Amino acid sequence: MNQDGLKAAVARAALAYVQPGSVVGVGTGSTVDHFIDALATMQDRIEGAVSSSLASTRRLRGHGIPVYDPSTVESLPVYIDGADEIDLRGCMIKGGGAALTREKIVADLAERFICIADESKHVATLGTFPLPVEVIAMAVAQVTRRFAALGGTAVLRSGVTTDNGHPLLDVHGLAIADPQAMELEINQWPGVVTVGIFARHRAQVCLLGTVTGVQTLVF
């Protein structure tokens, strides 16, 4: 099975975590696109969704699934999203699709985070995938220097702004042995909107697509 097939398999498996009659938290990215398509097969059994990006909102509405503003929802039973990397504790790097801030907002509403990913995303230590960081434009150079002091090389993602209108840095060369501590540190830097380390909002379950089938990892 190719990588796209693995993504489709975990997306279908995630339907088992959707509670009937509920509003579902929905993430962003190619694996989530498969989940949205799968969710459309049971849209008459859910109330709707809260989305973490404009792209996911368009896809959900294209299937006729109602999308609610996060400000109108107090909590969600589940948030289902992919990851660029996920470690052995359920901590993740996210933001390859430039939606990390909104993803954290929706994840914060959810009681459980279900990560859907193919086996290439499962790592012992985060950092091989460049760390996305959403920043205020005037702080790009300043934040870049701070990462250099940590041994990382921050590169402005060319031609990309987030749905919030901010630029993104992709930081290469970091080995993130303590995701929670690094997330806390970077989030305090002036000019950082969100760092793409999801340690405080880590996954409780990962549905991992492998050549032998979908593995369920519980953290």
N, C-alpha and C. Protein backbone atom coordinates (compact mmCIF):
# COMPACT_ATOMS: atom_id res chain seq x y z
N MET A 1 0.85 -1.20 0.00
CA MET A 1 0.00 0.00 0.00
C MET A 1 0.88 1.25 0.00
N ASN A 2 0.59 2.22 -0.86
CA ASN A 2 1.39 3.44 -0.90
C ASN A 2 1.01 4.38 0.23
N GLN A 3 1.73 5.50 0.32
CA GLN A 3 1.51 6.43 1.44
C GLN A 3 0.10 6.98 1.44
N ASP A 4 -0.44 7.29 0.26
CA ASP A 4 -1.80 7.81 0.20
C ASP A 4 -2.80 6.77 0.69
N GLY A 5 -2.55 5.51 0.38
CA GLY A 5 -3.41 4.45 0.86
C GLY A 5 -3.37 4.30 2.37
N LEU A 6 -2.18 4.48 2.95
CA LEU A 6 -2.04 4.42 4.40
C LEU A 6 -2.82 5.56 5.06
N LYS A 7 -2.76 6.74 4.45
CA LYS A 7 -3.50 7.89 4.99
C LYS A 7 -5.00 7.64 4.96
N ALA A 8 -5.47 7.08 3.86
CA ALA A 8 -6.90 6.78 3.74
C ALA A 8 -7.33 5.74 4.77
N ALA A 9 -6.47 4.77 5.04
CA ALA A 9 -6.81 3.72 6.00
C ALA A 9 -6.96 4.27 7.42
N VAL A 10 -6.03 5.13 7.84
CA VAL A 10 -6.14 5.68 9.20
C VAL A 10 -7.30 6.66 9.29
N ALA A 11 -7.60 7.34 8.19
CA ALA A 11 -8.74 8.26 8.19
C ALA A 11 -10.04 7.51 8.41
N ARG A 12 -10.19 6.38 7.76
CA ARG A 12 -11.39 5.57 7.96
C ARG A 12 -11.45 5.02 9.38
N ALA A 13 -10.30 4.61 9.90
CA ALA A 13 -10.26 4.07 11.27
C ALA A 13 -10.67 5.11 12.30
N ALA A 14 -10.41 6.38 12.02
CA ALA A 14 -10.72 7.45 12.97
C ALA A 14 -12.22 7.64 13.15
N LEU A 15 -13.03 7.16 12.21
CA LEU A 15 -14.48 7.30 12.35
C LEU A 15 -14.99 6.61 13.61
N ALA A 16 -14.28 5.60 14.08
CA ALA A 16 -14.70 4.87 15.29
C ALA A 16 -14.66 5.76 16.53
N TYR A 17 -13.91 6.87 16.46
CA TYR A 17 -13.78 7.78 17.61
C TYR A 17 -14.76 8.94 17.55
N VAL A 18 -15.56 9.01 16.51
CA VAL A 18 -16.54 10.08 16.36
C VAL A 18 -17.82 9.70 17.09
N GLN A 19 -18.22 10.53 18.03
CA GLN A 19 -19.42 10.23 18.81
C GLN A 19 -20.67 10.68 18.07
N PRO A 20 -21.67 9.81 17.95
CA PRO A 20 -22.91 10.20 17.27
C PRO A 20 -23.54 11.43 17.92
N GLY A 21 -24.03 12.33 17.10
CA GLY A 21 -24.70 13.53 17.59
C GLY A 21 -23.77 14.63 18.04
N SER A 22 -22.46 14.44 17.89
CA SER A 22 -21.50 15.41 18.41
C SER A 22 -21.02 16.37 17.34
N VAL A 23 -20.34 17.42 17.81
CA VAL A 23 -19.56 18.30 16.94
C VAL A 23 -18.12 17.79 16.98
N VAL A 24 -17.53 17.58 15.83
CA VAL A 24 -16.22 16.96 15.72
C VAL A 24 -15.16 18.02 15.44
N GLY A 25 -14.05 17.99 16.16
CA GLY A 25 -12.92 18.85 15.86
C GLY A 25 -12.13 18.26 14.70
N VAL A 26 -11.90 19.06 13.67
CA VAL A 26 -11.26 18.58 12.45
C VAL A 26 -10.02 19.42 12.14
N GLY A 27 -8.91 18.75 11.90
CA GLY A 27 -7.64 19.42 11.63
C GLY A 27 -7.45 19.79 10.18
N THR A 28 -6.19 19.76 9.75
CA THR A 28 -5.81 20.25 8.43
C THR A 28 -4.73 19.35 7.84
N GLY A 29 -4.75 19.21 6.52
CA GLY A 29 -3.67 18.48 5.85
C GLY A 29 -4.19 17.36 4.98
N SER A 30 -3.27 16.70 4.29
CA SER A 30 -3.65 15.67 3.32
C SER A 30 -4.31 14.45 3.97
N THR A 31 -3.82 14.05 5.15
CA THR A 31 -4.45 12.92 5.83
C THR A 31 -5.84 13.30 6.32
N VAL A 32 -5.98 14.53 6.81
CA VAL A 32 -7.29 15.00 7.27
C VAL A 32 -8.27 15.14 6.11
N ASP A 33 -7.77 15.47 4.93
CA ASP A 33 -8.66 15.50 3.76
C ASP A 33 -9.33 14.15 3.57
N HIS A 34 -8.56 13.08 3.74
CA HIS A 34 -9.15 11.73 3.66
C HIS A 34 -10.19 11.54 4.77
N PHE A 35 -9.88 12.05 5.97
CA PHE A 35 -10.83 11.91 7.08
C PHE A 35 -12.13 12.66 6.79
N ILE A 36 -12.02 13.86 6.25
CA ILE A 36 -13.23 14.63 5.93
C ILE A 36 -14.08 13.88 4.92
N ASP A 37 -13.44 13.30 3.92
CA ASP A 37 -14.19 12.53 2.93
C ASP A 37 -14.87 11.32 3.57
N ALA A 38 -14.17 10.68 4.52
CA ALA A 38 -14.78 9.55 5.24
C ALA A 38 -15.91 10.01 6.15
N LEU A 39 -15.71 11.17 6.79
CA LEU A 39 -16.73 11.71 7.70
C LEU A 39 -18.03 12.00 6.96
N ALA A 40 -17.92 12.34 5.68
CA ALA A 40 -19.11 12.63 4.88
C ALA A 40 -20.04 11.42 4.78
N THR A 41 -19.50 10.21 4.96
CA THR A 41 -20.33 9.01 4.87
C THR A 41 -21.23 8.84 6.09
N MET A 42 -20.96 9.62 7.16
CA MET A 42 -21.80 9.53 8.36
C MET A 42 -22.28 10.91 8.79
N GLN A 43 -22.39 11.84 7.86
CA GLN A 43 -22.73 13.21 8.22
C GLN A 43 -24.12 13.34 8.81
N ASP A 44 -25.01 12.39 8.51
CA ASP A 44 -26.35 12.44 9.09
C ASP A 44 -26.36 12.00 10.55
N ARG A 45 -25.21 11.51 11.04
CA ARG A 45 -25.12 11.05 12.43
C ARG A 45 -24.32 11.99 13.33
N ILE A 46 -23.86 13.11 12.80
CA ILE A 46 -23.15 14.11 13.61
C ILE A 46 -23.84 15.46 13.48
N GLU A 47 -23.59 16.32 14.47
CA GLU A 47 -24.18 17.66 14.42
C GLU A 47 -23.42 18.56 13.46
N GLY A 48 -22.10 18.39 13.41
CA GLY A 48 -21.27 19.23 12.55
C GLY A 48 -19.83 19.16 12.98
N ALA A 49 -19.06 20.18 12.60
CA ALA A 49 -17.62 20.18 12.87
C ALA A 49 -17.15 21.58 13.24
N VAL A 50 -16.01 21.60 13.92
CA VAL A 50 -15.22 22.82 14.11
C VAL A 50 -13.91 22.59 13.38
N SER A 51 -13.52 23.51 12.54
CA SER A 51 -12.39 23.32 11.64
C SER A 51 -11.21 24.19 12.05
N SER A 52 -10.00 23.70 11.76
CA SER A 52 -8.78 24.44 12.11
C SER A 52 -8.21 25.25 10.95
N SER A 53 -8.87 25.25 9.80
CA SER A 53 -8.33 26.03 8.67
C SER A 53 -9.43 26.35 7.67
N LEU A 54 -9.17 27.35 6.86
CA LEU A 54 -10.11 27.71 5.80
C LEU A 54 -10.23 26.58 4.78
N ALA A 55 -9.11 25.90 4.50
CA ALA A 55 -9.13 24.81 3.53
C ALA A 55 -10.02 23.66 4.00
N SER A 56 -9.89 23.28 5.28
CA SER A 56 -10.73 22.20 5.80
C SER A 56 -12.19 22.62 5.87
N THR A 57 -12.43 23.89 6.20
CA THR A 57 -13.80 24.39 6.23
C THR A 57 -14.44 24.27 4.85
N ARG A 58 -13.72 24.65 3.82
CA ARG A 58 -14.26 24.53 2.46
C ARG A 58 -14.58 23.08 2.11
N ARG A 59 -13.69 22.17 2.48
CA ARG A 59 -13.92 20.76 2.15
C ARG A 59 -15.11 20.20 2.92
N LEU A 60 -15.23 20.54 4.20
CA LEU A 60 -16.36 20.09 5.01
C LEU A 60 -17.67 20.60 4.43
N ARG A 61 -17.72 21.89 4.14
CA ARG A 61 -18.96 22.47 3.60
C ARG A 61 -19.27 21.92 2.22
N GLY A 62 -18.22 21.58 1.47
CA GLY A 62 -18.44 20.96 0.16
C GLY A 62 -19.16 19.63 0.26
N HIS A 63 -19.00 18.96 1.41
CA HIS A 63 -19.71 17.71 1.65
C HIS A 63 -21.06 17.93 2.33
N GLY A 64 -21.39 19.19 2.60
CA GLY A 64 -22.64 19.49 3.28
C GLY A 64 -22.60 19.36 4.78
N ILE A 65 -21.39 19.31 5.36
CA ILE A 65 -21.25 19.20 6.81
C ILE A 65 -21.22 20.60 7.42
N PRO A 66 -22.11 20.91 8.37
CA PRO A 66 -22.11 22.24 8.99
C PRO A 66 -20.81 22.49 9.74
N VAL A 67 -20.28 23.71 9.64
CA VAL A 67 -19.04 24.09 10.33
C VAL A 67 -19.35 25.22 11.29
N TYR A 68 -19.01 25.02 12.56
CA TYR A 68 -19.28 26.00 13.61
C TYR A 68 -18.02 26.80 13.93
N ASP A 69 -18.22 28.06 14.28
CA ASP A 69 -17.11 28.88 14.74
C ASP A 69 -16.66 28.37 16.12
N PRO A 70 -15.34 28.27 16.36
CA PRO A 70 -14.88 27.77 17.66
C PRO A 70 -15.40 28.58 18.85
N SER A 71 -15.67 29.85 18.63
CA SER A 71 -16.14 30.70 19.73
C SER A 71 -17.55 30.33 20.19
N THR A 72 -18.27 29.55 19.40
CA THR A 72 -19.64 29.16 19.76
C THR A 72 -19.69 27.79 20.42
N VAL A 73 -18.54 27.15 20.59
CA VAL A 73 -18.48 25.79 21.12
C VAL A 73 -17.64 25.78 22.40
N GLU A 74 -18.21 25.24 23.48
CA GLU A 74 -17.48 25.22 24.76
C GLU A 74 -16.50 24.06 24.84
N SER A 75 -16.83 22.94 24.23
CA SER A 75 -15.94 21.78 24.27
C SER A 75 -16.29 20.83 23.13
N LEU A 76 -15.32 19.97 22.82
CA LEU A 76 -15.49 18.96 21.79
C LEU A 76 -15.08 17.61 22.37
N PRO A 77 -15.79 16.54 22.07
CA PRO A 77 -15.37 15.24 22.59
C PRO A 77 -14.06 14.76 21.99
N VAL A 78 -13.80 15.17 20.73
CA VAL A 78 -12.62 14.65 20.05
C VAL A 78 -12.13 15.64 19.00
N TYR A 79 -10.80 15.70 18.84
CA TYR A 79 -10.16 16.46 17.77
C TYR A 79 -9.32 15.47 16.98
N ILE A 80 -9.51 15.44 15.67
CA ILE A 80 -8.81 14.48 14.82
C ILE A 80 -7.96 15.25 13.83
N ASP A 81 -6.65 14.99 13.86
CA ASP A 81 -5.72 15.74 13.03
C ASP A 81 -4.48 14.89 12.75
N GLY A 82 -3.73 15.28 11.75
CA GLY A 82 -2.49 14.60 11.42
C GLY A 82 -1.31 15.19 12.17
N ALA A 83 -0.11 14.78 11.79
CA ALA A 83 1.12 15.29 12.39
C ALA A 83 2.24 15.18 11.37
N ASP A 84 3.19 16.08 11.47
CA ASP A 84 4.40 15.99 10.66
C ASP A 84 5.40 15.03 11.31
N GLU A 85 5.38 14.98 12.63
CA GLU A 85 6.11 13.98 13.40
C GLU A 85 5.35 13.73 14.70
N ILE A 86 5.42 12.49 15.19
CA ILE A 86 4.87 12.15 16.50
C ILE A 86 5.85 11.23 17.19
N ASP A 87 6.15 11.53 18.47
CA ASP A 87 7.17 10.74 19.16
C ASP A 87 6.55 9.64 20.01
N LEU A 88 7.37 9.01 20.83
CA LEU A 88 6.94 7.84 21.59
C LEU A 88 6.02 8.18 22.74
N ARG A 89 5.85 9.49 23.02
CA ARG A 89 4.96 9.93 24.11
C ARG A 89 3.71 10.62 23.59
N GLY A 90 3.58 10.72 22.28
CA GLY A 90 2.42 11.40 21.71
C GLY A 90 2.62 12.88 21.47
N CYS A 91 3.83 13.39 21.73
CA CYS A 91 4.13 14.78 21.41
C CYS A 91 4.38 14.89 19.90
N MET A 92 4.04 16.03 19.33
CA MET A 92 4.07 16.16 17.88
C MET A 92 4.73 17.45 17.42
N ILE A 93 5.22 17.42 16.18
CA ILE A 93 5.49 18.63 15.41
C ILE A 93 4.37 18.75 14.39
N LYS A 94 3.76 19.95 14.34
CA LYS A 94 2.68 20.23 13.40
C LYS A 94 2.91 21.62 12.81
N GLY A 95 2.28 21.85 11.67
CA GLY A 95 2.38 23.16 11.04
C GLY A 95 2.89 23.12 9.62
N GLY A 96 3.13 21.90 9.10
CA GLY A 96 3.54 21.80 7.71
C GLY A 96 2.52 22.39 6.75
N GLY A 97 1.26 22.36 7.17
CA GLY A 97 0.18 22.95 6.38
C GLY A 97 -0.16 24.37 6.76
N ALA A 98 0.67 24.97 7.61
CA ALA A 98 0.56 26.39 8.00
C ALA A 98 -0.66 26.72 8.85
N ALA A 99 -1.24 25.71 9.53
CA ALA A 99 -2.45 25.95 10.32
C ALA A 99 -2.23 25.74 11.81
N LEU A 100 -0.97 25.80 12.28
CA LEU A 100 -0.66 25.38 13.64
C LEU A 100 -1.38 26.16 14.73
N THR A 101 -1.56 27.47 14.56
CA THR A 101 -2.22 28.24 15.61
C THR A 101 -3.68 27.84 15.76
N ARG A 102 -4.38 27.76 14.66
CA ARG A 102 -5.78 27.37 14.72
C ARG A 102 -5.93 25.92 15.15
N GLU A 103 -4.96 25.09 14.80
CA GLU A 103 -4.99 23.70 15.25
C GLU A 103 -4.88 23.63 16.77
N LYS A 104 -4.03 24.45 17.35
CA LYS A 104 -3.92 24.42 18.82
C LYS A 104 -5.18 24.95 19.48
N ILE A 105 -5.81 25.95 18.87
CA ILE A 105 -7.05 26.49 19.43
C ILE A 105 -8.13 25.42 19.46
N VAL A 106 -8.30 24.70 18.36
CA VAL A 106 -9.34 23.66 18.31
C VAL A 106 -8.95 22.48 19.21
N ALA A 107 -7.68 22.11 19.21
CA ALA A 107 -7.24 21.03 20.08
C ALA A 107 -7.49 21.34 21.55
N ASP A 108 -7.38 22.61 21.91
CA ASP A 108 -7.59 23.01 23.30
C ASP A 108 -9.05 22.84 23.72
N LEU A 109 -9.97 22.85 22.77
CA LEU A 109 -11.38 22.65 23.07
C LEU A 109 -11.72 21.18 23.30
N ALA A 110 -10.84 20.29 22.86
CA ALA A 110 -11.19 18.87 22.79
C ALA A 110 -10.78 18.10 24.03
N GLU A 111 -11.58 17.10 24.36
CA GLU A 111 -11.27 16.20 25.46
C GLU A 111 -10.19 15.20 25.07
N ARG A 112 -10.15 14.80 23.78
CA ARG A 112 -9.16 13.84 23.31
C ARG A 112 -8.62 14.27 21.95
N PHE A 113 -7.33 14.10 21.77
CA PHE A 113 -6.67 14.35 20.49
C PHE A 113 -6.35 12.99 19.88
N ILE A 114 -6.93 12.72 18.71
CA ILE A 114 -6.65 11.50 17.98
C ILE A 114 -5.78 11.88 16.78
N CYS A 115 -4.55 11.41 16.77
CA CYS A 115 -3.63 11.70 15.67
C CYS A 115 -3.75 10.60 14.62
N ILE A 116 -3.85 11.01 13.36
CA ILE A 116 -3.89 10.04 12.26
C ILE A 116 -2.67 10.31 11.38
N ALA A 117 -1.86 9.27 11.18
CA ALA A 117 -0.58 9.46 10.47
C ALA A 117 -0.11 8.16 9.87
N ASP A 118 0.75 8.26 8.87
CA ASP A 118 1.39 7.06 8.36
C ASP A 118 2.68 6.82 9.14
N GLU A 119 3.23 5.61 9.04
CA GLU A 119 4.33 5.20 9.90
C GLU A 119 5.60 6.01 9.70
N SER A 120 5.74 6.73 8.58
CA SER A 120 6.93 7.56 8.38
C SER A 120 7.00 8.73 9.36
N LYS A 121 5.86 9.06 9.98
CA LYS A 121 5.81 10.20 10.90
C LYS A 121 6.18 9.83 12.35
N HIS A 122 6.32 8.52 12.62
CA HIS A 122 6.58 8.06 13.99
C HIS A 122 8.08 8.06 14.24
N VAL A 123 8.54 8.84 15.22
CA VAL A 123 9.98 9.03 15.45
C VAL A 123 10.29 8.88 16.94
N ALA A 124 11.55 8.61 17.23
CA ALA A 124 11.99 8.54 18.62
C ALA A 124 12.16 9.94 19.22
N THR A 125 12.70 10.86 18.43
CA THR A 125 12.95 12.23 18.89
C THR A 125 12.48 13.20 17.81
N LEU A 126 11.72 14.21 18.22
CA LEU A 126 11.23 15.21 17.28
C LEU A 126 12.37 16.09 16.78
N GLY A 127 12.24 16.56 15.53
CA GLY A 127 13.17 17.56 15.04
C GLY A 127 13.73 17.31 13.66
N THR A 128 13.60 16.09 13.14
CA THR A 128 14.04 15.86 11.76
C THR A 128 13.20 16.69 10.80
N PHE A 129 11.89 16.73 11.04
CA PHE A 129 11.02 17.62 10.26
C PHE A 129 11.24 19.04 10.77
N PRO A 130 11.46 20.02 9.88
CA PRO A 130 11.68 21.40 10.34
C PRO A 130 10.52 21.91 11.18
N LEU A 131 10.84 22.56 12.28
CA LEU A 131 9.83 23.03 13.23
C LEU A 131 9.17 24.31 12.73
N PRO A 132 7.87 24.30 12.44
CA PRO A 132 7.18 25.53 12.02
C PRO A 132 6.91 26.45 13.22
N VAL A 133 7.08 27.73 12.98
CA VAL A 133 6.80 28.74 14.01
C VAL A 133 6.10 29.91 13.34
N GLU A 134 4.90 30.22 13.79
CA GLU A 134 4.18 31.38 13.28
C GLU A 134 4.62 32.61 14.07
N VAL A 135 4.98 33.67 13.37
CA VAL A 135 5.53 34.85 14.02
C VAL A 135 4.89 36.12 13.50
N ILE A 136 4.97 37.18 14.31
CA ILE A 136 4.63 38.52 13.87
C ILE A 136 5.74 38.99 12.92
N ALA A 137 5.37 39.64 11.82
CA ALA A 137 6.35 39.96 10.77
C ALA A 137 7.54 40.76 11.29
N MET A 138 7.31 41.71 12.18
CA MET A 138 8.41 42.56 12.63
C MET A 138 9.42 41.81 13.50
N ALA A 139 9.05 40.59 13.95
CA ALA A 139 9.92 39.83 14.84
C ALA A 139 10.69 38.73 14.12
N VAL A 140 10.57 38.63 12.79
CA VAL A 140 11.19 37.52 12.06
C VAL A 140 12.69 37.45 12.32
N ALA A 141 13.40 38.57 12.16
CA ALA A 141 14.86 38.55 12.34
C ALA A 141 15.23 38.25 13.79
N GLN A 142 14.49 38.81 14.72
CA GLN A 142 14.77 38.63 16.14
C GLN A 142 14.60 37.16 16.55
N VAL A 143 13.49 36.56 16.11
CA VAL A 143 13.23 35.15 16.45
C VAL A 143 14.24 34.24 15.75
N THR A 144 14.64 34.61 14.54
CA THR A 144 15.66 33.84 13.82
C THR A 144 16.97 33.80 14.60
N ARG A 145 17.35 34.93 15.18
CA ARG A 145 18.58 34.97 15.99
C ARG A 145 18.45 34.12 17.24
N ARG A 146 17.29 34.11 17.83
CA ARG A 146 17.10 33.29 19.04
C ARG A 146 17.26 31.80 18.71
N PHE A 147 16.73 31.38 17.57
CA PHE A 147 16.90 29.98 17.20
C PHE A 147 18.35 29.65 16.89
N ALA A 148 19.05 30.60 16.29
CA ALA A 148 20.47 30.38 16.01
C ALA A 148 21.25 30.13 17.30
N ALA A 149 20.86 30.82 18.37
CA ALA A 149 21.52 30.63 19.66
C ALA A 149 21.26 29.23 20.23
N LEU A 150 20.17 28.59 19.77
CA LEU A 150 19.87 27.22 20.20
C LEU A 150 20.46 26.18 19.26
N GLY A 151 21.12 26.65 18.20
CA GLY A 151 21.70 25.72 17.24
C GLY A 151 20.79 25.41 16.07
N GLY A 152 19.68 26.16 15.94
CA GLY A 152 18.74 25.93 14.85
C GLY A 152 18.87 26.97 13.76
N THR A 153 18.52 26.60 12.54
CA THR A 153 18.53 27.52 11.41
C THR A 153 17.10 27.77 10.98
N ALA A 154 16.62 29.00 11.19
CA ALA A 154 15.24 29.36 10.86
C ALA A 154 15.20 29.94 9.45
N VAL A 155 14.31 29.40 8.63
CA VAL A 155 14.16 29.83 7.24
C VAL A 155 12.73 30.32 7.04
N LEU A 156 12.59 31.51 6.49
CA LEU A 156 11.26 32.04 6.21
C LEU A 156 10.62 31.21 5.10
N ARG A 157 9.39 30.74 5.33
CA ARG A 157 8.69 29.97 4.31
C ARG A 157 8.20 30.91 3.21
N SER A 158 8.81 30.80 2.09
CA SER A 158 8.60 31.76 1.00
C SER A 158 7.19 31.69 0.43
N GLY A 159 6.58 32.87 0.28
CA GLY A 159 5.28 32.97 -0.37
C GLY A 159 4.12 32.44 0.45
N VAL A 160 4.33 32.20 1.74
CA VAL A 160 3.28 31.61 2.58
C VAL A 160 2.96 32.53 3.75
N THR A 161 1.70 32.78 3.97
CA THR A 161 1.22 33.37 5.21
C THR A 161 0.12 32.48 5.75
N THR A 162 -0.07 32.52 7.05
CA THR A 162 -1.10 31.69 7.68
C THR A 162 -2.48 32.29 7.42
N ASP A 163 -3.51 31.54 7.82
CA ASP A 163 -4.88 32.06 7.73
C ASP A 163 -5.05 33.29 8.62
N ASN A 164 -4.12 33.49 9.54
CA ASN A 164 -4.15 34.67 10.42
C ASN A 164 -3.36 35.84 9.82
N GLY A 165 -2.73 35.63 8.65
CA GLY A 165 -2.00 36.70 7.98
C GLY A 165 -0.56 36.87 8.41
N HIS A 166 0.02 35.87 9.09
CA HIS A 166 1.38 35.98 9.60
C HIS A 166 2.35 35.11 8.80
N PRO A 167 3.64 35.48 8.80
CA PRO A 167 4.64 34.64 8.17
C PRO A 167 4.98 33.43 9.04
N LEU A 168 5.65 32.45 8.39
CA LEU A 168 6.07 31.24 9.07
C LEU A 168 7.57 31.05 8.92
N LEU A 169 8.20 30.64 10.01
CA LEU A 169 9.58 30.19 9.98
C LEU A 169 9.60 28.67 10.08
N ASP A 170 10.49 28.03 9.33
CA ASP A 170 10.74 26.60 9.47
C ASP A 170 12.15 26.45 10.02
N VAL A 171 12.26 25.81 11.19
CA VAL A 171 13.54 25.75 11.89
C VAL A 171 14.16 24.38 11.72
N HIS A 172 15.34 24.36 11.12
CA HIS A 172 16.08 23.12 10.85
C HIS A 172 17.17 22.91 11.91
N GLY A 173 17.52 21.65 12.13
CA GLY A 173 18.69 21.34 12.96
C GLY A 173 18.45 21.22 14.44
N LEU A 174 17.19 21.11 14.86
CA LEU A 174 16.89 20.96 16.29
C LEU A 174 16.62 19.49 16.61
N ALA A 175 17.13 19.03 17.74
CA ALA A 175 16.76 17.73 18.29
C ALA A 175 15.97 18.03 19.56
N ILE A 176 14.67 17.75 19.53
CA ILE A 176 13.77 18.20 20.59
C ILE A 176 13.58 17.06 21.60
N ALA A 177 14.52 16.96 22.52
CA ALA A 177 14.50 15.88 23.51
C ALA A 177 13.44 16.10 24.59
N ASP A 178 13.15 17.37 24.89
CA ASP A 178 12.15 17.72 25.91
C ASP A 178 11.13 18.65 25.25
N PRO A 179 10.14 18.09 24.53
CA PRO A 179 9.19 18.92 23.79
C PRO A 179 8.42 19.90 24.66
N GLN A 180 8.03 19.48 25.85
CA GLN A 180 7.23 20.35 26.71
C GLN A 180 8.04 21.58 27.12
N ALA A 181 9.29 21.38 27.52
CA ALA A 181 10.11 22.51 27.95
C ALA A 181 10.41 23.45 26.78
N MET A 182 10.69 22.89 25.62
CA MET A 182 10.99 23.75 24.47
C MET A 182 9.75 24.51 24.01
N GLU A 183 8.59 23.87 24.03
CA GLU A 183 7.35 24.56 23.67
C GLU A 183 7.11 25.74 24.60
N LEU A 184 7.27 25.52 25.90
CA LEU A 184 7.05 26.58 26.88
C LEU A 184 8.03 27.72 26.67
N GLU A 185 9.29 27.41 26.41
CA GLU A 185 10.31 28.44 26.21
C GLU A 185 10.02 29.29 24.98
N ILE A 186 9.79 28.66 23.85
CA ILE A 186 9.62 29.40 22.60
C ILE A 186 8.34 30.22 22.62
N ASN A 187 7.29 29.69 23.22
CA ASN A 187 6.03 30.43 23.27
C ASN A 187 6.14 31.73 24.07
N GLN A 188 7.19 31.88 24.87
CA GLN A 188 7.37 33.11 25.65
C GLN A 188 8.18 34.17 24.91
N TRP A 189 8.75 33.81 23.76
CA TRP A 189 9.55 34.79 23.03
C TRP A 189 8.66 35.86 22.42
N PRO A 190 9.00 37.12 22.58
CA PRO A 190 8.21 38.19 21.96
C PRO A 190 8.17 38.01 20.44
N GLY A 191 6.98 38.11 19.89
CA GLY A 191 6.81 37.99 18.45
C GLY A 191 6.39 36.62 17.99
N VAL A 192 6.52 35.60 18.83
CA VAL A 192 6.05 34.26 18.47
C VAL A 192 4.54 34.18 18.71
N VAL A 193 3.82 33.80 17.67
CA VAL A 193 2.38 33.57 17.81
C VAL A 193 2.15 32.16 18.33
N THR A 194 2.72 31.18 17.65
CA THR A 194 2.61 29.78 18.06
C THR A 194 3.80 29.00 17.54
N VAL A 195 4.33 28.13 18.37
CA VAL A 195 5.36 27.19 17.92
C VAL A 195 4.67 25.85 17.63
N GLY A 196 5.15 25.15 16.60
CA GLY A 196 4.50 23.93 16.17
C GLY A 196 4.85 22.69 16.96
N ILE A 197 5.26 22.85 18.21
CA ILE A 197 5.41 21.71 19.12
C ILE A 197 4.09 21.51 19.85
N PHE A 198 3.53 20.32 19.75
CA PHE A 198 2.29 20.00 20.45
C PHE A 198 2.64 19.00 21.55
N ALA A 199 3.07 19.55 22.69
CA ALA A 199 3.38 18.72 23.86
C ALA A 199 2.30 18.88 24.92
N ARG A 200 1.93 20.12 25.21
CA ARG A 200 0.81 20.35 26.13
C ARG A 200 -0.46 19.78 25.53
N HIS A 201 -0.62 19.92 24.23
CA HIS A 201 -1.78 19.37 23.53
C HIS A 201 -1.36 18.14 22.73
N ARG A 202 -0.75 17.20 23.41
CA ARG A 202 -0.27 16.01 22.73
C ARG A 202 -1.43 15.06 22.44
N ALA A 203 -1.16 14.07 21.60
CA ALA A 203 -2.18 13.08 21.26
C ALA A 203 -2.35 12.08 22.39
N GLN A 204 -3.59 11.67 22.62
CA GLN A 204 -3.86 10.56 23.54
C GLN A 204 -3.84 9.22 22.79
N VAL A 205 -4.18 9.28 21.50
CA VAL A 205 -4.21 8.09 20.66
C VAL A 205 -3.59 8.45 19.31
N CYS A 206 -2.81 7.54 18.73
CA CYS A 206 -2.34 7.70 17.37
C CYS A 206 -2.75 6.48 16.56
N LEU A 207 -3.45 6.72 15.48
CA LEU A 207 -3.78 5.66 14.53
C LEU A 207 -2.72 5.73 13.44
N LEU A 208 -1.86 4.72 13.44
CA LEU A 208 -0.66 4.75 12.60
C LEU A 208 -0.83 3.77 11.44
N GLY A 209 -0.75 4.30 10.23
CA GLY A 209 -0.87 3.46 9.05
C GLY A 209 0.44 2.76 8.73
N THR A 210 0.42 1.44 8.70
CA THR A 210 1.62 0.65 8.40
C THR A 210 1.29 -0.34 7.28
N VAL A 211 2.33 -0.96 6.75
CA VAL A 211 2.12 -1.92 5.66
C VAL A 211 1.35 -3.16 6.13
N THR A 212 1.32 -3.37 7.44
CA THR A 212 0.58 -4.52 7.98
C THR A 212 -0.81 -4.14 8.49
N GLY A 213 -1.18 -2.87 8.35
CA GLY A 213 -2.49 -2.43 8.81
C GLY A 213 -2.38 -1.23 9.73
N VAL A 214 -3.51 -0.82 10.28
CA VAL A 214 -3.57 0.34 11.19
C VAL A 214 -3.23 -0.11 12.60
N GLN A 215 -2.18 0.49 13.16
CA GLN A 215 -1.80 0.24 14.56
C GLN A 215 -2.38 1.34 15.43
N THR A 216 -2.85 0.97 16.61
CA THR A 216 -3.38 1.93 17.57
C THR A 216 -2.38 2.10 18.70
N LEU A 217 -1.82 3.30 18.82
CA LEU A 217 -0.90 3.63 19.89
C LEU A 217 -1.62 4.50 20.91
N VAL A 218 -1.56 4.09 22.17
CA VAL A 218 -2.22 4.84 23.25
C VAL A 218 -1.15 5.40 24.16
N PHE A 219 -1.24 6.69 24.45
CA PHE A 219 -0.20 7.37 25.24
C PHE A 219 -0.76 7.74 26.62
